[in-house]
Amino acid sequence: MHGVIRRTSSTTTGRIERLLDPSAHAGRVELHYGDLSDSIGLNNLILDIEPDEIYNLAAQSHVRVSFDKPLYTMDITGVGALRILESARQLARRKEVRVYQASSSEMFGAAPDVPQSETTPFRPQSPYACAKVYAYYQTINYREAYDLYACNGILFNHESPRRGEQFVTRKITRAVGRIREGFQDKLYLGNLDARRDWGYARDYVEAMWLMLQQDEPDDFVIATGKSHSIRDCLEIAFGHVDLNWEDYVEIDPRYFRPTDVSFLQGDCTKARKQLGWEPSTSFDELIRIMVDADCDLAARERALEDLSAGSDKLQ
């Protein structure tokens, strides 16, 4: 049995609508209200649902926002993970349960080693990264102290058309669609030289699941092993629709972080050997997938606006 705990400031379920369509799936997805700051509520919920597997993907996950709200970030991203682990420990007294903790490449921060692997020391450079390091070690502690099946997936950046619009890849591809349809003239960004190891979220979710199917729990880096700059992303995204990104992009100092991680690149050798996992989608293909989706979205928005304008004229 799998339970989904969802807490968001948005009331829409648009990004998971297809999962809620009973005609599209043989199984059934049921949503439960959950809040990572509510220890008692989480504990009651997990003990009531009795899931076989728990995937903790919840967090205050925006690095720049974590500088503005460090205490909130630690409570939700760090201590929230501990609350999940403690509830899972109590459930494990009744039945076997396996826990996946979403760790982050941001934990490596300013680490001198390139590429970064499971043995690379952490040097977090943001409140978000510090909170993730806390959750990472709590996961190991619960595994070793209580024999809880708990894994850390140290995932490097993973993107898709469902990515939040405040994250840089989706901010770029969304802007491409809106610029193409005439909704937007400029795209404002921060450090264009920052480099990340970007992969496709669909590939990475498979890796998460594989971690919880192993005989013994362990921690794994999930990455493509290739690093690209934000400039690279701009060139691919705008070039895909025959636009020159330099005509539309401007630098805004507001988007620079107090401390920034300039280069991240992962080594997923362990995952390849032990999980039999490897990425199947290239960076270029990923960005094109996202641009196509956001161009379709912008075209639908244009059609709705034109339809609304025509309706107003008829009135």
C-alpha atoms as a PDB file:
ATOM      1  CA  MET A   1       0.000   0.000   0.000  1.00  0.00           C
ATOM      2  CA  HIS A   2       1.274   3.469  -0.895  1.00  0.00           C
ATOM      3  CA  GLY A   3       0.111   6.701   0.715  1.00  0.00           C
ATOM      4  CA  VAL A   4       0.463  10.198  -0.688  1.00  0.00           C
ATOM      5  CA  ILE A   5       0.752  13.056   1.807  1.00  0.00           C
ATOM      6  CA  ARG A   6       0.383  16.426   0.175  1.00  0.00           C
ATOM      7  CA  ARG A   7       0.589  19.882   1.720  1.00  0.00           C
ATOM      8  CA  THR A   8       0.804  22.989  -0.413  1.00  0.00           C
ATOM      9  CA  SER A   9      -0.236  26.613  -0.349  1.00  0.00           C
ATOM     10  CA  SER A  10      -1.963  26.022  -3.670  1.00  0.00           C
ATOM     11  CA  THR A  11      -5.398  24.416  -3.717  1.00  0.00           C
ATOM     12  CA  THR A  12      -5.034  23.075  -7.257  1.00  0.00           C
ATOM     13  CA  THR A  13      -4.047  19.510  -8.075  1.00  0.00           C
ATOM     14  CA  GLY A  14      -3.392  20.304 -11.736  1.00  0.00           C
ATOM     15  CA  ARG A  15       0.063  18.754 -11.910  1.00  0.00           C
ATOM     16  CA  ILE A  16      -1.218  15.403 -10.619  1.00  0.00           C
ATOM     17  CA  GLU A  17      -4.677  15.485 -12.213  1.00  0.00           C
ATOM     18  CA  ARG A  18      -4.003  12.476 -14.418  1.00  0.00           C
ATOM     19  CA  LEU A  19      -3.166  10.397 -11.343  1.00  0.00           C
ATOM     20  CA  LEU A  20      -6.588  11.185  -9.894  1.00  0.00           C
ATOM     21  CA  ASP A  21      -8.462  10.034 -13.013  1.00  0.00           C
ATOM     22  CA  PRO A  22      -9.942   6.601 -12.125  1.00  0.00           C
ATOM     23  CA  SER A  23     -10.445   5.743 -15.806  1.00  0.00           C
ATOM     24  CA  ALA A  24      -6.716   6.048 -16.501  1.00  0.00           C
ATOM     25  CA  HIS A  25      -5.405   3.747 -13.791  1.00  0.00           C
ATOM     26  CA  ALA A  26      -6.248   0.300 -12.544  1.00  0.00           C
ATOM     27  CA  GLY A  27      -5.230   1.325  -9.028  1.00  0.00           C
ATOM     28  CA  ARG A  28      -6.469   4.258  -6.989  1.00  0.00           C
ATOM     29  CA  VAL A  29      -4.628   7.281  -5.679  1.00  0.00           C
ATOM     30  CA  GLU A  30      -6.031   8.791  -2.528  1.00  0.00           C
ATOM     31  CA  LEU A  31      -4.830  12.142  -1.226  1.00  0.00           C
ATOM     32  CA  HIS A  32      -4.440  12.800   2.493  1.00  0.00           C
ATOM     33  CA  TYR A  33      -3.814  16.162   4.113  1.00  0.00           C
ATOM     34  CA  GLY A  34      -0.396  16.341   5.708  1.00  0.00           C
ATOM     35  CA  ASP A  35       1.841  19.036   7.182  1.00  0.00           C
ATOM     36  CA  LEU A  36       5.529  18.393   7.868  1.00  0.00           C
ATOM     37  CA  SER A  37       5.454  20.830  10.788  1.00  0.00           C
ATOM     38  CA  ASP A  38       2.748  18.776  12.547  1.00  0.00           C
ATOM     39  CA  SER A  39       4.386  15.825  14.330  1.00  0.00           C
ATOM     40  CA  ILE A  40       1.187  14.412  15.831  1.00  0.00           C
ATOM     41  CA  GLY A  41      -0.783  14.739  12.621  1.00  0.00           C
ATOM     42  CA  LEU A  42       1.923  13.032  10.566  1.00  0.00           C
ATOM     43  CA  ASN A  43       2.316  10.254  13.095  1.00  0.00           C
ATOM     44  CA  ASN A  44      -1.424   9.559  13.222  1.00  0.00           C
ATOM     45  CA  LEU A  45      -1.654   9.618   9.443  1.00  0.00           C
ATOM     46  CA  ILE A  46       1.224   7.210   8.818  1.00  0.00           C
ATOM     47  CA  LEU A  47       0.073   4.802  11.518  1.00  0.00           C
ATOM     48  CA  ASP A  48      -3.445   4.897  10.072  1.00  0.00           C
ATOM     49  CA  ILE A  49      -2.418   4.382   6.420  1.00  0.00           C
ATOM     50  CA  GLU A  50       0.287   1.791   7.203  1.00  0.00           C
ATOM     51  CA  PRO A  51       2.204   2.281   3.930  1.00  0.00           C
ATOM     52  CA  ASP A  52       4.740  -0.253   2.690  1.00  0.00           C
ATOM     53  CA  GLU A  53       6.927   2.498   1.257  1.00  0.00           C
ATOM     54  CA  ILE A  54       7.288   6.175   2.131  1.00  0.00           C
ATOM     55  CA  TYR A  55       8.888   8.623  -0.288  1.00  0.00           C
ATOM     56  CA  ASN A  56       9.625  11.892   1.464  1.00  0.00           C
ATOM     57  CA  LEU A  57       9.904  14.396  -1.377  1.00  0.00           C
ATOM     58  CA  ALA A  58       8.462  17.274   0.638  1.00  0.00           C
ATOM     59  CA  ALA A  59      10.497  20.359   1.488  1.00  0.00           C
ATOM     60  CA  GLN A  60      10.834  24.083   1.266  1.00  0.00           C
ATOM     61  CA  SER A  61      12.914  23.381  -1.799  1.00  0.00           C
ATOM     62  CA  HIS A  62      13.856  26.773  -3.219  1.00  0.00           C
ATOM     63  CA  VAL A  63      17.485  27.589  -2.431  1.00  0.00           C
ATOM     64  CA  ARG A  64      17.142  31.359  -2.827  1.00  0.00           C
ATOM     65  CA  VAL A  65      14.029  31.456  -0.609  1.00  0.00           C
ATOM     66  CA  SER A  66      15.907  29.550   2.097  1.00  0.00           C
ATOM     67  CA  PHE A  67      18.109  32.597   2.689  1.00  0.00           C
ATOM     68  CA  ASP A  68      14.996  34.652   3.381  1.00  0.00           C
ATOM     69  CA  LYS A  69      13.283  31.995   5.495  1.00  0.00           C
ATOM     70  CA  PRO A  70      16.047  29.891   7.107  1.00  0.00           C
ATOM     71  CA  LEU A  71      14.093  28.828  10.213  1.00  0.00           C
ATOM     72  CA  TYR A  72      11.075  27.746   8.205  1.00  0.00           C
ATOM     73  CA  THR A  73      13.349  25.893   5.779  1.00  0.00           C
ATOM     74  CA  MET A  74      15.047  23.993   8.604  1.00  0.00           C
ATOM     75  CA  ASP A  75      11.742  23.104  10.252  1.00  0.00           C
ATOM     76  CA  ILE A  76      10.144  21.747   7.071  1.00  0.00           C
ATOM     77  CA  THR A  77      13.125  20.420   5.116  1.00  0.00           C
ATOM     78  CA  GLY A  78      15.241  19.204   8.030  1.00  0.00           C
ATOM     79  CA  VAL A  79      13.067  18.494  11.057  1.00  0.00           C
ATOM     80  CA  GLY A  80      10.150  17.529   8.807  1.00  0.00           C
ATOM     81  CA  ALA A  81      12.226  14.598   7.556  1.00  0.00           C
ATOM     82  CA  LEU A  82      12.956  13.611  11.157  1.00  0.00           C
ATOM     83  CA  ARG A  83       9.221  13.605  11.892  1.00  0.00           C
ATOM     84  CA  ILE A  84       8.668  11.216   8.982  1.00  0.00           C
ATOM     85  CA  LEU A  85      11.469   8.936  10.187  1.00  0.00           C
ATOM     86  CA  GLU A  86      10.143   8.827  13.740  1.00  0.00           C
ATOM     87  CA  SER A  87       6.640   7.947  12.544  1.00  0.00           C
ATOM     88  CA  ALA A  88       8.111   5.247  10.305  1.00  0.00           C
ATOM     89  CA  ARG A  89      10.059   3.863  13.265  1.00  0.00           C
ATOM     90  CA  GLN A  90       6.841   3.504  15.221  1.00  0.00           C
ATOM     91  CA  LEU A  91       5.091   1.879  12.259  1.00  0.00           C
ATOM     92  CA  ALA A  92       8.001  -0.577  11.893  1.00  0.00           C
ATOM     93  CA  ARG A  93       7.017  -2.097  15.240  1.00  0.00           C
ATOM     94  CA  ARG A  94       3.859  -3.387  13.521  1.00  0.00           C
ATOM     95  CA  LYS A  95       5.045  -4.136   9.984  1.00  0.00           C
ATOM     96  CA  GLU A  96       7.930  -3.646   7.587  1.00  0.00           C
ATOM     97  CA  VAL A  97       8.156  -0.166   6.091  1.00  0.00           C
ATOM     98  CA  ARG A  98      10.762   1.330   3.796  1.00  0.00           C
ATOM     99  CA  VAL A  99      11.633   5.039   3.679  1.00  0.00           C
ATOM    100  CA  TYR A 100      13.152   7.069   0.872  1.00  0.00           C
ATOM    101  CA  GLN A 101      14.607  10.453   1.872  1.00  0.00           C
ATOM    102  CA  ALA A 102      15.120  12.988  -0.905  1.00  0.00           C
ATOM    103  CA  SER A 103      18.623  14.279  -0.351  1.00  0.00           C
ATOM    104  CA  SER A 104      20.124  16.906  -2.639  1.00  0.00           C
ATOM    105  CA  SER A 105      23.271  17.657  -4.606  1.00  0.00           C
ATOM    106  CA  GLU A 106      23.167  21.095  -2.964  1.00  0.00           C
ATOM    107  CA  MET A 107      24.607  19.367   0.137  1.00  0.00           C
ATOM    108  CA  PHE A 108      27.963  19.157  -1.662  1.00  0.00           C
ATOM    109  CA  GLY A 109      28.036  22.930  -2.046  1.00  0.00           C
ATOM    110  CA  ALA A 110      31.634  24.106  -2.364  1.00  0.00           C
ATOM    111  CA  ALA A 111      33.127  20.610  -2.256  1.00  0.00           C
ATOM    112  CA  PRO A 112      36.504  20.577  -4.052  1.00  0.00           C
ATOM    113  CA  ASP A 113      35.995  17.098  -5.531  1.00  0.00           C
ATOM    114  CA  VAL A 114      34.619  16.834  -9.078  1.00  0.00           C
ATOM    115  CA  PRO A 115      32.586  14.838  -9.790  1.00  0.00           C
ATOM    116  CA  GLN A 116      30.797  14.358  -6.471  1.00  0.00           C
ATOM    117  CA  SER A 117      30.061  10.826  -5.245  1.00  0.00           C
ATOM    118  CA  GLU A 118      28.718   9.171  -2.095  1.00  0.00           C
ATOM    119  CA  THR A 119      32.115   9.637  -0.414  1.00  0.00           C
ATOM    120  CA  THR A 120      32.502  13.360  -1.199  1.00  0.00           C
ATOM    121  CA  PRO A 121      32.411  15.530   1.966  1.00  0.00           C
ATOM    122  CA  PHE A 122      29.497  17.928   2.262  1.00  0.00           C
ATOM    123  CA  ARG A 123      30.122  21.691   2.272  1.00  0.00           C
ATOM    124  CA  PRO A 124      26.598  23.181   2.196  1.00  0.00           C
ATOM    125  CA  GLN A 125      26.301  26.786   1.035  1.00  0.00           C
ATOM    126  CA  SER A 126      22.686  27.648   1.872  1.00  0.00           C
ATOM    127  CA  PRO A 127      20.110  27.141   4.660  1.00  0.00           C
ATOM    128  CA  TYR A 128      18.347  24.692   2.335  1.00  0.00           C
ATOM    129  CA  ALA A 129      21.507  22.629   1.866  1.00  0.00           C
ATOM    130  CA  CYS A 130      22.222  22.654   5.615  1.00  0.00           C
ATOM    131  CA  ALA A 131      18.698  21.388   6.302  1.00  0.00           C
ATOM    132  CA  LYS A 132      19.163  18.602   3.762  1.00  0.00           C
ATOM    133  CA  VAL A 133      22.454  17.559   5.383  1.00  0.00           C
ATOM    134  CA  TYR A 134      20.636  17.335   8.736  1.00  0.00           C
ATOM    135  CA  ALA A 135      17.933  15.136   7.189  1.00  0.00           C
ATOM    136  CA  TYR A 136      20.578  12.990   5.462  1.00  0.00           C
ATOM    137  CA  TYR A 137      22.364  12.126   8.699  1.00  0.00           C
ATOM    138  CA  GLN A 138      19.111  11.567  10.579  1.00  0.00           C
ATOM    139  CA  THR A 139      18.156   9.028   7.912  1.00  0.00           C
ATOM    140  CA  ILE A 140      21.459   7.182   8.409  1.00  0.00           C
ATOM    141  CA  ASN A 141      21.045   7.397  12.184  1.00  0.00           C
ATOM    142  CA  TYR A 142      17.590   5.793  12.073  1.00  0.00           C
ATOM    143  CA  ARG A 143      18.893   3.091   9.753  1.00  0.00           C
ATOM    144  CA  GLU A 144      21.788   2.214  12.044  1.00  0.00           C
ATOM    145  CA  ALA A 145      20.204   2.823  15.451  1.00  0.00           C
ATOM    146  CA  TYR A 146      16.767   1.291  14.830  1.00  0.00           C
ATOM    147  CA  ASP A 147      17.409  -1.036  11.877  1.00  0.00           C
ATOM    148  CA  LEU A 148      14.891   0.969   9.830  1.00  0.00           C
ATOM    149  CA  TYR A 149      15.028   0.413   6.095  1.00  0.00           C
ATOM    150  CA  ALA A 150      15.863   3.990   5.099  1.00  0.00           C
ATOM    151  CA  CYS A 151      17.722   5.284   2.042  1.00  0.00           C
ATOM    152  CA  ASN A 152      19.077   8.641   0.953  1.00  0.00           C
ATOM    153  CA  GLY A 153      18.825   9.445  -2.716  1.00  0.00           C
ATOM    154  CA  ILE A 154      21.347  12.223  -3.375  1.00  0.00           C
ATOM    155  CA  LEU A 155      19.686  13.478  -6.517  1.00  0.00           C
ATOM    156  CA  PHE A 156      21.246  16.101  -8.706  1.00  0.00           C
ATOM    157  CA  ASN A 157      18.902  18.570 -10.418  1.00  0.00           C
ATOM    158  CA  HIS A 158      16.020  16.775 -12.084  1.00  0.00           C
ATOM    159  CA  GLU A 159      13.610  18.639 -14.332  1.00  0.00           C
ATOM    160  CA  SER A 160      10.441  18.139 -16.365  1.00  0.00           C
ATOM    161  CA  PRO A 161       7.503  20.160 -17.733  1.00  0.00           C
ATOM    162  CA  ARG A 162       5.968  19.837 -14.241  1.00  0.00           C
ATOM    163  CA  ARG A 163       8.845  21.731 -12.614  1.00  0.00           C
ATOM    164  CA  GLY A 164       7.785  24.798 -10.621  1.00  0.00           C
ATOM    165  CA  GLU A 165       8.066  28.027 -12.593  1.00  0.00           C
ATOM    166  CA  GLN A 166      10.364  29.632  -9.996  1.00  0.00           C
ATOM    167  CA  PHE A 167      13.157  27.152 -10.801  1.00  0.00           C
ATOM    168  CA  VAL A 168      15.583  28.346 -13.446  1.00  0.00           C
ATOM    169  CA  THR A 169      15.103  25.663 -16.129  1.00  0.00           C
ATOM    170  CA  ARG A 170      11.325  25.982 -16.102  1.00  0.00           C
ATOM    171  CA  LYS A 171      11.585  29.763 -15.784  1.00  0.00           C
ATOM    172  CA  ILE A 172      13.561  29.713 -19.016  1.00  0.00           C
ATOM    173  CA  THR A 173      11.352  27.308 -20.975  1.00  0.00           C
ATOM    174  CA  ARG A 174       8.181  29.026 -19.766  1.00  0.00           C
ATOM    175  CA  ALA A 175       9.608  32.368 -20.932  1.00  0.00           C
ATOM    176  CA  VAL A 176      10.399  30.908 -24.358  1.00  0.00           C
ATOM    177  CA  GLY A 177       6.751  29.978 -24.859  1.00  0.00           C
ATOM    178  CA  ARG A 178       5.455  33.291 -23.540  1.00  0.00           C
ATOM    179  CA  ILE A 179       7.910  35.352 -25.614  1.00  0.00           C
ATOM    180  CA  ARG A 180       6.973  33.398 -28.701  1.00  0.00           C
ATOM    181  CA  GLU A 181       3.283  34.157 -28.143  1.00  0.00           C
ATOM    182  CA  GLY A 182       3.871  37.813 -27.317  1.00  0.00           C
ATOM    183  CA  PHE A 183       3.006  37.619 -23.609  1.00  0.00           C
ATOM    184  CA  GLN A 184       6.501  38.517 -22.422  1.00  0.00           C
ATOM    185  CA  ASP A 185       9.364  40.698 -23.693  1.00  0.00           C
ATOM    186  CA  LYS A 186      12.222  39.973 -21.303  1.00  0.00           C
ATOM    187  CA  LEU A 187      13.560  37.208 -19.071  1.00  0.00           C
ATOM    188  CA  TYR A 188      15.431  38.294 -15.939  1.00  0.00           C
ATOM    189  CA  LEU A 189      18.027  35.929 -14.475  1.00  0.00           C
ATOM    190  CA  GLY A 190      20.988  35.917 -12.076  1.00  0.00           C
ATOM    191  CA  ASN A 191      24.286  34.050 -12.491  1.00  0.00           C
ATOM    192  CA  LEU A 192      24.404  32.591 -16.009  1.00  0.00           C
ATOM    193  CA  ASP A 193      27.715  30.835 -15.402  1.00  0.00           C
ATOM    194  CA  ALA A 194      26.456  28.506 -12.658  1.00  0.00           C
ATOM    195  CA  ARG A 195      26.787  24.896 -13.777  1.00  0.00           C
ATOM    196  CA  ARG A 196      24.590  21.984 -12.745  1.00  0.00           C
ATOM    197  CA  ASP A 197      24.160  18.304 -13.552  1.00  0.00           C
ATOM    198  CA  TRP A 198      20.606  18.309 -14.943  1.00  0.00           C
ATOM    199  CA  GLY A 199      18.586  15.162 -15.641  1.00  0.00           C
ATOM    200  CA  TYR A 200      15.023  14.134 -16.454  1.00  0.00           C
ATOM    201  CA  ALA A 201      12.735  13.664 -13.455  1.00  0.00           C
ATOM    202  CA  ARG A 202      11.105  10.608 -15.032  1.00  0.00           C
ATOM    203  CA  ASP A 203      14.457   8.793 -15.073  1.00  0.00           C
ATOM    204  CA  TYR A 204      15.209   9.830 -11.485  1.00  0.00           C
ATOM    205  CA  VAL A 205      11.892   8.631 -10.081  1.00  0.00           C
ATOM    206  CA  GLU A 206      12.754   5.165 -11.384  1.00  0.00           C
ATOM    207  CA  ALA A 207      15.996   5.359  -9.397  1.00  0.00           C
ATOM    208  CA  MET A 208      14.088   6.298  -6.230  1.00  0.00           C
ATOM    209  CA  TRP A 209      11.871   3.253  -6.598  1.00  0.00           C
ATOM    210  CA  LEU A 210      14.833   0.959  -7.298  1.00  0.00           C
ATOM    211  CA  MET A 211      16.500   2.030  -4.039  1.00  0.00           C
ATOM    212  CA  LEU A 212      13.592   0.697  -2.005  1.00  0.00           C
ATOM    213  CA  GLN A 213      13.544  -2.626  -3.887  1.00  0.00           C
ATOM    214  CA  GLN A 214      17.040  -3.696  -2.787  1.00  0.00           C
ATOM    215  CA  ASP A 215      17.687  -6.334  -0.120  1.00  0.00           C
ATOM    216  CA  GLU A 216      19.609  -3.858   2.030  1.00  0.00           C
ATOM    217  CA  PRO A 217      19.154  -0.077   2.372  1.00  0.00           C
ATOM    218  CA  ASP A 218      21.916   2.217   1.147  1.00  0.00           C
ATOM    219  CA  ASP A 219      22.567   5.738  -0.112  1.00  0.00           C
ATOM    220  CA  PHE A 220      23.059   6.609  -3.787  1.00  0.00           C
ATOM    221  CA  VAL A 221      24.048   9.557  -5.946  1.00  0.00           C
ATOM    222  CA  ILE A 222      21.718   9.907  -8.931  1.00  0.00           C
ATOM    223  CA  ALA A 223      23.085  12.076 -11.731  1.00  0.00           C
ATOM    224  CA  THR A 224      23.945  12.160 -15.430  1.00  0.00           C
ATOM    225  CA  GLY A 225      27.670  12.755 -14.908  1.00  0.00           C
ATOM    226  CA  LYS A 226      27.556  15.809 -17.203  1.00  0.00           C
ATOM    227  CA  SER A 227      27.439  19.475 -16.207  1.00  0.00           C
ATOM    228  CA  HIS A 228      25.916  22.384 -18.124  1.00  0.00           C
ATOM    229  CA  SER A 229      25.685  26.113 -17.524  1.00  0.00           C
ATOM    230  CA  ILE A 230      22.570  28.255 -17.488  1.00  0.00           C
ATOM    231  CA  ARG A 231      23.935  29.796 -20.704  1.00  0.00           C
ATOM    232  CA  ASP A 232      23.847  26.314 -22.265  1.00  0.00           C
ATOM    233  CA  CYS A 233      20.219  25.967 -21.205  1.00  0.00           C
ATOM    234  CA  LEU A 234      19.378  29.343 -22.757  1.00  0.00           C
ATOM    235  CA  GLU A 235      21.064  28.474 -26.038  1.00  0.00           C
ATOM    236  CA  ILE A 236      19.206  25.173 -26.379  1.00  0.00           C
ATOM    237  CA  ALA A 237      15.827  26.505 -25.236  1.00  0.00           C
ATOM    238  CA  PHE A 238      15.715  29.653 -27.368  1.00  0.00           C
ATOM    239  CA  GLY A 239      17.498  27.976 -30.276  1.00  0.00           C
ATOM    240  CA  HIS A 240      14.804  25.277 -30.352  1.00  0.00           C
ATOM    241  CA  VAL A 241      12.323  27.939 -31.551  1.00  0.00           C
ATOM    242  CA  ASP A 242      14.878  29.874 -33.646  1.00  0.00           C
ATOM    243  CA  LEU A 243      15.299  32.784 -31.238  1.00  0.00           C
ATOM    244  CA  ASN A 244      18.521  34.387 -29.991  1.00  0.00           C
ATOM    245  CA  TRP A 245      18.467  34.368 -26.201  1.00  0.00           C
ATOM    246  CA  GLU A 246      20.732  37.411 -25.959  1.00  0.00           C
ATOM    247  CA  ASP A 247      17.916  39.537 -27.406  1.00  0.00           C
ATOM    248  CA  TYR A 248      15.630  38.704 -24.474  1.00  0.00           C
ATOM    249  CA  VAL A 249      17.691  37.935 -21.350  1.00  0.00           C
ATOM    250  CA  GLU A 250      18.782  40.570 -18.831  1.00  0.00           C
ATOM    251  CA  ILE A 251      20.716  40.147 -15.582  1.00  0.00           C
ATOM    252  CA  ASP A 252      18.916  41.135 -12.386  1.00  0.00           C
ATOM    253  CA  PRO A 253      21.059  41.358  -9.201  1.00  0.00           C
ATOM    254  CA  ARG A 254      18.045  40.325  -7.115  1.00  0.00           C
ATOM    255  CA  TYR A 255      18.495  36.765  -8.342  1.00  0.00           C
ATOM    256  CA  PHE A 256      22.047  36.396  -7.054  1.00  0.00           C
ATOM    257  CA  ARG A 257      22.407  34.387  -3.825  1.00  0.00           C
ATOM    258  CA  PRO A 258      24.459  35.526  -0.792  1.00  0.00           C
ATOM    259  CA  THR A 259      26.593  32.424  -1.351  1.00  0.00           C
ATOM    260  CA  ASP A 260      26.336  30.504  -4.583  1.00  0.00           C
ATOM    261  CA  VAL A 261      27.360  27.039  -5.700  1.00  0.00           C
ATOM    262  CA  SER A 262      29.113  27.501  -9.016  1.00  0.00           C
ATOM    263  CA  PHE A 263      29.685  23.899 -10.145  1.00  0.00           C
ATOM    264  CA  LEU A 264      28.030  20.558  -9.444  1.00  0.00           C
ATOM    265  CA  GLN A 265      28.538  17.298 -11.324  1.00  0.00           C
ATOM    266  CA  GLY A 266      27.587  13.869 -10.049  1.00  0.00           C
ATOM    267  CA  ASP A 267      29.183  10.426 -10.235  1.00  0.00           C
ATOM    268  CA  CYS A 268      26.462   7.752 -10.324  1.00  0.00           C
ATOM    269  CA  THR A 269      28.820   4.774 -10.693  1.00  0.00           C
ATOM    270  CA  LYS A 270      27.442   3.114  -7.556  1.00  0.00           C
ATOM    271  CA  ALA A 271      23.849   3.384  -8.812  1.00  0.00           C
ATOM    272  CA  ARG A 272      24.846   1.950 -12.176  1.00  0.00           C
ATOM    273  CA  LYS A 273      26.513  -1.060 -10.553  1.00  0.00           C
ATOM    274  CA  GLN A 274      24.138  -1.814  -7.663  1.00  0.00           C
ATOM    275  CA  LEU A 275      20.779  -0.604  -8.994  1.00  0.00           C
ATOM    276  CA  GLY A 276      21.342  -1.218 -12.685  1.00  0.00           C
ATOM    277  CA  TRP A 277      20.206   2.366 -13.266  1.00  0.00           C
ATOM    278  CA  GLU A 278      21.387   4.920 -15.756  1.00  0.00           C
ATOM    279  CA  PRO A 279      19.862   8.083 -17.243  1.00  0.00           C
ATOM    280  CA  SER A 280      18.126   7.669 -20.591  1.00  0.00           C
ATOM    281  CA  THR A 281      17.430  11.305 -21.511  1.00  0.00           C
ATOM    282  CA  SER A 282      20.134  13.779 -22.582  1.00  0.00           C
ATOM    283  CA  PHE A 283      20.240  17.397 -21.429  1.00  0.00           C
ATOM    284  CA  ASP A 284      19.454  18.699 -24.921  1.00  0.00           C
ATOM    285  CA  GLU A 285      16.479  16.356 -25.229  1.00  0.00           C
ATOM    286  CA  LEU A 286      15.232  17.306 -21.755  1.00  0.00           C
ATOM    287  CA  ILE A 287      15.251  21.045 -22.512  1.00  0.00           C
ATOM    288  CA  ARG A 288      13.516  20.479 -25.843  1.00  0.00           C
ATOM    289  CA  ILE A 289      10.810  18.417 -24.100  1.00  0.00           C
ATOM    290  CA  MET A 290      10.251  21.258 -21.646  1.00  0.00           C
ATOM    291  CA  VAL A 291      10.232  23.938 -24.362  1.00  0.00           C
ATOM    292  CA  ASP A 292       7.698  21.993 -26.447  1.00  0.00           C
ATOM    293  CA  ALA A 293       5.419  21.612 -23.428  1.00  0.00           C
ATOM    294  CA  ASP A 294       5.655  25.293 -22.503  1.00  0.00           C
ATOM    295  CA  CYS A 295       5.120  26.423 -26.085  1.00  0.00           C
ATOM    296  CA  ASP A 296       1.956  24.316 -26.164  1.00  0.00           C
ATOM    297  CA  LEU A 297       0.884  25.852 -22.849  1.00  0.00           C
ATOM    298  CA  ALA A 298       1.478  29.397 -24.100  1.00  0.00           C
ATOM    299  CA  ALA A 299      -0.379  28.646 -27.347  1.00  0.00           C
ATOM    300  CA  ARG A 300      -3.391  27.429 -25.355  1.00  0.00           C
ATOM    301  CA  GLU A 301      -3.243  30.582 -23.249  1.00  0.00           C
ATOM    302  CA  ARG A 302      -3.179  32.668 -26.438  1.00  0.00           C
ATOM    303  CA  ALA A 303      -6.150  30.776 -27.862  1.00  0.00           C
ATOM    304  CA  LEU A 304      -8.131  31.337 -24.660  1.00  0.00           C
ATOM    305  CA  GLU A 305      -7.271  35.035 -24.659  1.00  0.00           C
ATOM    306  CA  ASP A 306      -8.321  35.391 -28.297  1.00  0.00           C
ATOM    307  CA  LEU A 307     -11.540  33.524 -27.566  1.00  0.00           C
ATOM    308  CA  SER A 308     -12.249  35.786 -24.602  1.00  0.00           C
ATOM    309  CA  ALA A 309     -11.536  38.886 -26.674  1.00  0.00           C
ATOM    310  CA  GLY A 310     -13.924  37.669 -29.390  1.00  0.00           C
ATOM    311  CA  SER A 311     -16.618  36.995 -26.800  1.00  0.00           C
ATOM    312  CA  ASP A 312     -16.261  40.500 -25.398  1.00  0.00           C
ATOM    313  CA  LYS A 313     -16.702  41.990 -28.875  1.00  0.00           C
ATOM    314  CA  LEU A 314     -19.907  40.000 -29.400  1.00  0.00           C
ATOM    315  CA  GLN A 315     -21.312  41.435 -26.193  1.00  0.00           C
END
